[in-house]
Amino acid sequence: MSRIRSSVKALIIHDHHVLTIKKGNEDEVKYVIPGGGQDFNETLSNAVIRECLEELGAEVEVGPLLWVREFISKNHVENQKNEDRIHIVEHIFEAFLEKVPKHFQPLSPDSTQLEIEWLPIDRLSDYNYYPREIIPLIKEMVHSKDSKLTYVGDIN
């Protein structure tokens, strides 16, 4: 049975840095913004709040919806079995920390979560940051505060 998963992400910016979750294993390390799957009967904004508490241990105020991204794995992952294919619709919100902690203490981190790191916006391309295609959108948003694009399509 195929299904589409609804997901949320929180873009948190402070002092020209993006708050990221460093994830990985012995083969690969990547950086992503906090977030995860939306639960049944949960609003998108409540999902952002819950995911930030779980992954960061921090309370956030949810801002506007910035972008909607899809990830259709068959378009981006080679040699994937049909049963492993996924389709995610990801809602990326701007979010603001109620208080910037010195140390984050995740309540329920993902199994692949290694660290929480602030990455400099102007150097995001130097890191294995996902999705890479939103790096220019983040830079544009920070520098112009006026992004016209909302739906960014099926990107990796």
C-alpha atoms as a PDB file:
ATOM      1  CA  MET A   1       0.000   0.000   0.000  1.00  0.00           C
ATOM      2  CA  SER A   2       1.358   3.393  -0.976  1.00  0.00           C
ATOM      3  CA  ARG A   3       0.696   6.491   1.028  1.00  0.00           C
ATOM      4  CA  ILE A   4       1.846  10.063   1.290  1.00  0.00           C
ATOM      5  CA  ARG A   5       3.373  11.241   4.561  1.00  0.00           C
ATOM      6  CA  SER A   6       2.801  14.779   5.807  1.00  0.00           C
ATOM      7  CA  SER A   7       5.833  16.275   7.494  1.00  0.00           C
ATOM      8  CA  VAL A   8       6.936  19.577   9.048  1.00  0.00           C
ATOM      9  CA  LYS A   9      10.260  21.361   9.420  1.00  0.00           C
ATOM     10  CA  ALA A  10      11.317  24.385  11.478  1.00  0.00           C
ATOM     11  CA  LEU A  11      13.721  26.896   9.946  1.00  0.00           C
ATOM     12  CA  ILE A  12      15.265  28.623  12.949  1.00  0.00           C
ATOM     13  CA  ILE A  13      17.717  31.419  12.253  1.00  0.00           C
ATOM     14  CA  HIS A  14      19.774  33.292  14.831  1.00  0.00           C
ATOM     15  CA  ASP A  15      22.734  35.592  14.262  1.00  0.00           C
ATOM     16  CA  HIS A  16      23.044  34.573  10.555  1.00  0.00           C
ATOM     17  CA  HIS A  17      23.145  30.864  11.466  1.00  0.00           C
ATOM     18  CA  VAL A  18      20.635  28.064  10.823  1.00  0.00           C
ATOM     19  CA  LEU A  19      19.874  25.611  13.601  1.00  0.00           C
ATOM     20  CA  THR A  20      20.448  22.080  12.298  1.00  0.00           C
ATOM     21  CA  ILE A  21      20.339  18.496  13.426  1.00  0.00           C
ATOM     22  CA  LYS A  22      23.483  16.549  12.561  1.00  0.00           C
ATOM     23  CA  LYS A  23      22.408  13.027  11.594  1.00  0.00           C
ATOM     24  CA  GLY A  24      24.318  10.048  10.434  1.00  0.00           C
ATOM     25  CA  ASN A  25      26.066   6.760  10.739  1.00  0.00           C
ATOM     26  CA  GLU A  26      29.473   5.360   9.781  1.00  0.00           C
ATOM     27  CA  ASP A  27      28.710   5.871   6.048  1.00  0.00           C
ATOM     28  CA  GLU A  28      27.357   9.412   5.914  1.00  0.00           C
ATOM     29  CA  VAL A  29      26.729  12.514   7.984  1.00  0.00           C
ATOM     30  CA  LYS A  30      24.169  15.119   6.923  1.00  0.00           C
ATOM     31  CA  TYR A  31      22.600  18.250   8.358  1.00  0.00           C
ATOM     32  CA  VAL A  32      18.860  18.914   8.348  1.00  0.00           C
ATOM     33  CA  ILE A  33      16.553  21.349  10.061  1.00  0.00           C
ATOM     34  CA  PRO A  34      14.428  20.007  12.948  1.00  0.00           C
ATOM     35  CA  GLY A  35      11.153  18.333  12.121  1.00  0.00           C
ATOM     36  CA  GLY A  36       9.318  15.140  11.378  1.00  0.00           C
ATOM     37  CA  GLY A  37       6.014  13.516  10.624  1.00  0.00           C
ATOM     38  CA  GLN A  38       2.670  15.064  11.405  1.00  0.00           C
ATOM     39  CA  ASP A  39       0.454  12.921  13.656  1.00  0.00           C
ATOM     40  CA  PHE A  40      -3.203  12.196  12.951  1.00  0.00           C
ATOM     41  CA  ASN A  41      -5.448  14.988  14.356  1.00  0.00           C
ATOM     42  CA  GLU A  42      -2.426  17.285  14.833  1.00  0.00           C
ATOM     43  CA  THR A  43      -2.217  20.684  13.164  1.00  0.00           C
ATOM     44  CA  LEU A  44       0.912  21.524  11.201  1.00  0.00           C
ATOM     45  CA  SER A  45       1.918  24.224  13.695  1.00  0.00           C
ATOM     46  CA  ASN A  46       1.419  21.872  16.657  1.00  0.00           C
ATOM     47  CA  ALA A  47       3.573  19.296  14.867  1.00  0.00           C
ATOM     48  CA  VAL A  48       6.373  21.885  14.543  1.00  0.00           C
ATOM     49  CA  ILE A  49       6.157  22.644  18.270  1.00  0.00           C
ATOM     50  CA  ARG A  50       6.192  18.941  19.216  1.00  0.00           C
ATOM     51  CA  GLU A  51       9.059  18.053  16.879  1.00  0.00           C
ATOM     52  CA  CYS A  52      11.210  20.914  18.210  1.00  0.00           C
ATOM     53  CA  LEU A  53      10.577  19.785  21.779  1.00  0.00           C
ATOM     54  CA  GLU A  54      11.501  16.209  20.871  1.00  0.00           C
ATOM     55  CA  GLU A  55      14.591  16.940  18.763  1.00  0.00           C
ATOM     56  CA  LEU A  56      15.878  20.123  20.418  1.00  0.00           C
ATOM     57  CA  GLY A  57      14.313  20.162  23.876  1.00  0.00           C
ATOM     58  CA  ALA A  58      13.327  23.763  23.133  1.00  0.00           C
ATOM     59  CA  GLU A  59      10.037  25.599  22.822  1.00  0.00           C
ATOM     60  CA  VAL A  60       9.418  27.528  19.636  1.00  0.00           C
ATOM     61  CA  GLU A  61       6.962  30.043  18.318  1.00  0.00           C
ATOM     62  CA  VAL A  62       5.781  28.985  14.877  1.00  0.00           C
ATOM     63  CA  GLY A  63       6.002  31.640  12.180  1.00  0.00           C
ATOM     64  CA  PRO A  64       4.710  31.653   8.622  1.00  0.00           C
ATOM     65  CA  LEU A  65       4.786  28.751   6.198  1.00  0.00           C
ATOM     66  CA  LEU A  66       7.789  29.386   3.961  1.00  0.00           C
ATOM     67  CA  TRP A  67       7.914  26.504   1.515  1.00  0.00           C
ATOM     68  CA  VAL A  68       6.240  23.225   0.650  1.00  0.00           C
ATOM     69  CA  ARG A  69       8.645  20.563  -0.569  1.00  0.00           C
ATOM     70  CA  GLU A  70       7.966  17.093  -1.824  1.00  0.00           C
ATOM     71  CA  PHE A  71      10.368  14.190  -1.686  1.00  0.00           C
ATOM     72  CA  ILE A  72       9.471  11.273  -3.938  1.00  0.00           C
ATOM     73  CA  SER A  73      12.222   8.763  -3.284  1.00  0.00           C
ATOM     74  CA  LYS A  74      11.978   6.922  -6.620  1.00  0.00           C
ATOM     75  CA  ASN A  75      13.082  10.174  -8.294  1.00  0.00           C
ATOM     76  CA  HIS A  76      16.170  10.591  -6.106  1.00  0.00           C
ATOM     77  CA  VAL A  77      17.307   7.190  -4.787  1.00  0.00           C
ATOM     78  CA  GLU A  78      18.711   4.615  -7.178  1.00  0.00           C
ATOM     79  CA  ASN A  79      18.164   0.854  -6.909  1.00  0.00           C
ATOM     80  CA  GLN A  80      15.370   1.221  -4.380  1.00  0.00           C
ATOM     81  CA  LYS A  81      12.895  -1.596  -3.806  1.00  0.00           C
ATOM     82  CA  ASN A  82       9.232  -0.725  -4.324  1.00  0.00           C
ATOM     83  CA  GLU A  83       8.413  -1.405  -0.661  1.00  0.00           C
ATOM     84  CA  ASP A  84      11.104   1.066   0.438  1.00  0.00           C
ATOM     85  CA  ARG A  85       9.820   3.945  -1.666  1.00  0.00           C
ATOM     86  CA  ILE A  86       8.424   6.959   0.154  1.00  0.00           C
ATOM     87  CA  HIS A  87       6.557  10.146  -0.750  1.00  0.00           C
ATOM     88  CA  ILE A  88       6.731  12.987   1.753  1.00  0.00           C
ATOM     89  CA  VAL A  89       5.033  16.379   1.577  1.00  0.00           C
ATOM     90  CA  GLU A  90       7.105  18.634   3.813  1.00  0.00           C
ATOM     91  CA  HIS A  91       5.866  21.970   5.170  1.00  0.00           C
ATOM     92  CA  ILE A  92       8.789  24.222   6.093  1.00  0.00           C
ATOM     93  CA  PHE A  93       7.869  26.908   8.617  1.00  0.00           C
ATOM     94  CA  GLU A  94       9.871  29.784   9.977  1.00  0.00           C
ATOM     95  CA  ALA A  95      10.176  29.295  13.727  1.00  0.00           C
ATOM     96  CA  PHE A  96      11.632  31.290  16.584  1.00  0.00           C
ATOM     97  CA  LEU A  97      13.210  30.010  19.787  1.00  0.00           C
ATOM     98  CA  GLU A  98      11.500  31.419  22.850  1.00  0.00           C
ATOM     99  CA  LYS A  99      14.953  31.424  24.458  1.00  0.00           C
ATOM    100  CA  VAL A 100      18.254  30.486  22.824  1.00  0.00           C
ATOM    101  CA  PRO A 101      19.732  27.866  25.172  1.00  0.00           C
ATOM    102  CA  LYS A 102      23.460  27.439  25.737  1.00  0.00           C
ATOM    103  CA  HIS A 103      22.992  23.678  25.405  1.00  0.00           C
ATOM    104  CA  PHE A 104      20.128  21.840  23.787  1.00  0.00           C
ATOM    105  CA  GLN A 105      18.705  18.829  25.597  1.00  0.00           C
ATOM    106  CA  PRO A 106      16.496  16.814  23.218  1.00  0.00           C
ATOM    107  CA  LEU A 107      13.561  15.044  24.878  1.00  0.00           C
ATOM    108  CA  SER A 108      13.237  12.281  22.288  1.00  0.00           C
ATOM    109  CA  PRO A 109      15.928  12.530  19.608  1.00  0.00           C
ATOM    110  CA  ASP A 110      15.776  10.464  16.429  1.00  0.00           C
ATOM    111  CA  SER A 111      17.937   7.336  16.466  1.00  0.00           C
ATOM    112  CA  THR A 112      20.301   8.843  13.864  1.00  0.00           C
ATOM    113  CA  GLN A 113      20.553  12.241  15.588  1.00  0.00           C
ATOM    114  CA  LEU A 114      24.162  12.982  16.581  1.00  0.00           C
ATOM    115  CA  GLU A 115      24.297  16.662  17.544  1.00  0.00           C
ATOM    116  CA  ILE A 116      22.549  20.006  17.276  1.00  0.00           C
ATOM    117  CA  GLU A 117      24.622  22.600  15.448  1.00  0.00           C
ATOM    118  CA  TRP A 118      24.316  26.186  14.269  1.00  0.00           C
ATOM    119  CA  LEU A 119      25.624  26.440  10.703  1.00  0.00           C
ATOM    120  CA  PRO A 120      26.545  29.785   9.114  1.00  0.00           C
ATOM    121  CA  ILE A 121      24.028  30.674   6.396  1.00  0.00           C
ATOM    122  CA  ASP A 122      26.684  31.974   4.018  1.00  0.00           C
ATOM    123  CA  ARG A 123      28.554  28.639   4.256  1.00  0.00           C
ATOM    124  CA  LEU A 124      25.670  26.129   4.143  1.00  0.00           C
ATOM    125  CA  SER A 125      26.929  24.833   0.788  1.00  0.00           C
ATOM    126  CA  ASP A 126      30.154  23.721   2.525  1.00  0.00           C
ATOM    127  CA  TYR A 127      28.168  21.182   4.567  1.00  0.00           C
ATOM    128  CA  ASN A 128      26.225  18.082   3.560  1.00  0.00           C
ATOM    129  CA  TYR A 129      22.992  20.025   4.106  1.00  0.00           C
ATOM    130  CA  TYR A 130      19.600  18.693   2.963  1.00  0.00           C
ATOM    131  CA  PRO A 131      17.694  19.667   0.993  1.00  0.00           C
ATOM    132  CA  ARG A 132      20.472  21.463  -0.886  1.00  0.00           C
ATOM    133  CA  GLU A 133      17.973  23.163  -3.199  1.00  0.00           C
ATOM    134  CA  ILE A 134      16.619  25.384  -0.415  1.00  0.00           C
ATOM    135  CA  ILE A 135      20.026  26.886   0.438  1.00  0.00           C
ATOM    136  CA  PRO A 136      19.515  29.735  -2.088  1.00  0.00           C
ATOM    137  CA  LEU A 137      15.980  30.241  -0.743  1.00  0.00           C
ATOM    138  CA  ILE A 138      17.296  30.577   2.815  1.00  0.00           C
ATOM    139  CA  LYS A 139      19.918  33.089   1.677  1.00  0.00           C
ATOM    140  CA  GLU A 140      17.332  35.031  -0.312  1.00  0.00           C
ATOM    141  CA  MET A 141      14.929  35.084   2.639  1.00  0.00           C
ATOM    142  CA  VAL A 142      17.602  36.324   5.041  1.00  0.00           C
ATOM    143  CA  HIS A 143      18.955  38.984   2.701  1.00  0.00           C
ATOM    144  CA  SER A 144      15.721  40.266   1.167  1.00  0.00           C
ATOM    145  CA  LYS A 145      12.998  39.106   3.601  1.00  0.00           C
ATOM    146  CA  ASP A 146      10.806  38.730   0.525  1.00  0.00           C
ATOM    147  CA  SER A 147      10.510  35.247  -0.943  1.00  0.00           C
ATOM    148  CA  LYS A 148       7.849  34.829  -3.627  1.00  0.00           C
ATOM    149  CA  LEU A 149       8.198  31.050  -3.947  1.00  0.00           C
ATOM    150  CA  THR A 150       6.166  28.709  -1.747  1.00  0.00           C
ATOM    151  CA  TYR A 151       5.873  25.364  -3.535  1.00  0.00           C
ATOM    152  CA  VAL A 152       9.388  24.206  -4.420  1.00  0.00           C
ATOM    153  CA  GLY A 153       8.445  20.849  -5.930  1.00  0.00           C
ATOM    154  CA  ASP A 154      10.052  17.419  -5.712  1.00  0.00           C
ATOM    155  CA  ILE A 155      13.595  18.136  -4.510  1.00  0.00           C
ATOM    156  CA  ASN A 156      16.281  16.254  -2.638  1.00  0.00           C
END
